[in-house]
Amino acid sequence: MNKILLIIQREYLTRVRKKTFIISTILFPLLYLGLIFGSTYIASSTSSVLRVAVIDSSGYFDKGKIERENLKDSSNILSLVNYSADSVKANYKALGYDGFIVVSPESNWEAGLKLSLQTGRTLGIESSSGVQRKLNNIWDGIKNEKLGITDSIKTKLEESTVTLRQQNFNDTTANSGVATGIGYAAGFLIYIILLLYGSQVMMGVMEEKTNRIAEVIVSSVKPFQLMLGKIIGIGLVALTQFFIWVLCMFLIYNFTSSLGNGVTANNVIGGVQAIFTSIDVPLILGCFAFYLLGGFFFYSSLYAAIGSAVNEDMREAQSLSFPITMIVILSIVLLPGVIKDPSSPLAVWGSIIPFSSPIFMMARIPFGVPGTVPWWQLGLSMVSLIIGFIFTTWFAGKIYRTGILMYGKKPTWKEMIKWAIKR
């Protein structure tokens, strides 16, 4: 046990003290902040206004309605023109337009309009959808006039709508919107950690094997103890860096939200408190730490086994690790289905199987325990993950014992399994 603790201490302190760890820990929040402001600046500076000429031969459209809609949304500018369709088509660029729409005189307001946005280039779907939304708003006003619906009646009709709010009577503080956001965030963060730090374990083992350091260490420490200490040490590094990032992103998010919305600090704090009251924060944080470390230990043991079996060829390592990586990717691909229905058979069984439980269960827990996730499912998921970690560590340890001292041979999964099952 003391040897394992020494290896954990060595792995943790060696990596935490590296300049790369310090730089990446500081750099990531700065990049996150730059991404928020940079993407907003680029989107606003590169967005262009789409100008469309409207040739109305039906007499339904008038300049006043179009101008009012332009004031509401200036991303697409509609202009009522008196030119003929042929004249506009031949000279629309010279007239300062990106395209034109022709409303035929045979158009019937009761049957609706089927119009065509004619341009000399293919526009993005968002651009054409924006023009369509603006035309629909104008057309709604035209229909209201034809039907004799005044502004006061229209206001009453708009106010008379169905508002549906979901309420869980087993947990009246639950908020499905907050749970969905936290579920996606937790699932994606665990996904990134598993791939990022799992590959670091594989690279670390490969480096020690290539430099023949492992031969010296194995002479005084069992391969299983060496692998276990390495996995736990790197896992604690990942946990340390992750919580620093989460704290920084949380502060940045609230700071930028207060600036962007022009709200006071009290409103920001009140909004954060409202979110926290709709979730069980201690339970979510505790479960997140458990599933982050449990999933990391589970997959890292397999990555460590691959690192011990290969030599310096990264392509060989990537080839052997591909099946493991695909399992993690499959979990994140199925994540939207789990969040859509956190009580479905896919969500339940996927959150119990160790291969997908770190991502699936953390996507379900924000929806409520024991309302959506019964205690027995949470307990069974944790126990199965612990058993899975113990098994994969034992399995990988036997591969590690043989592979760490083997050079000059390209192993296959079939050979690695033989190493594991032999006594």
Foldseek 3Di string as FASTA:
>chain_A
DVLLVVLLVCLQVVVCPDPVLVCCLVVVLVVVLCCVVVVVVCCVVPQAAAEEEEEEPQPLDDQVLQVVLCVVPVSYHYHYDPDDPVVCVVCVVVVPHQWYKYHDNPDDLVVDDDIDTDGPDDDDPVVVVVVVVSVVVSSVVSVCVVVVNDPVNVVVVVVPDDDDDDADPVARLADLVLLQVQLLVLLVVLLCLQVPLLLVLLVVLQVCLQVVVVVVVCVPDPLLSNSSSNLSSSLVSSVVSVVSSVVSVVVSVLVVVCVVVVDDPVVSVVVVVSSCSNFPVVVLVVLSSLLSSLLSLLSSLVSNLLSLQDHPDVVLSCVQCVVLSVLSVVLSVCSVVCSVPVQDPCLQVLLLALSNVSSSVSSNPRSDPPPRPDPVSVVNSSVNSVVSSVVSSLQSSQSNNPSSPDPDDRDHPVVSNVSRPDD
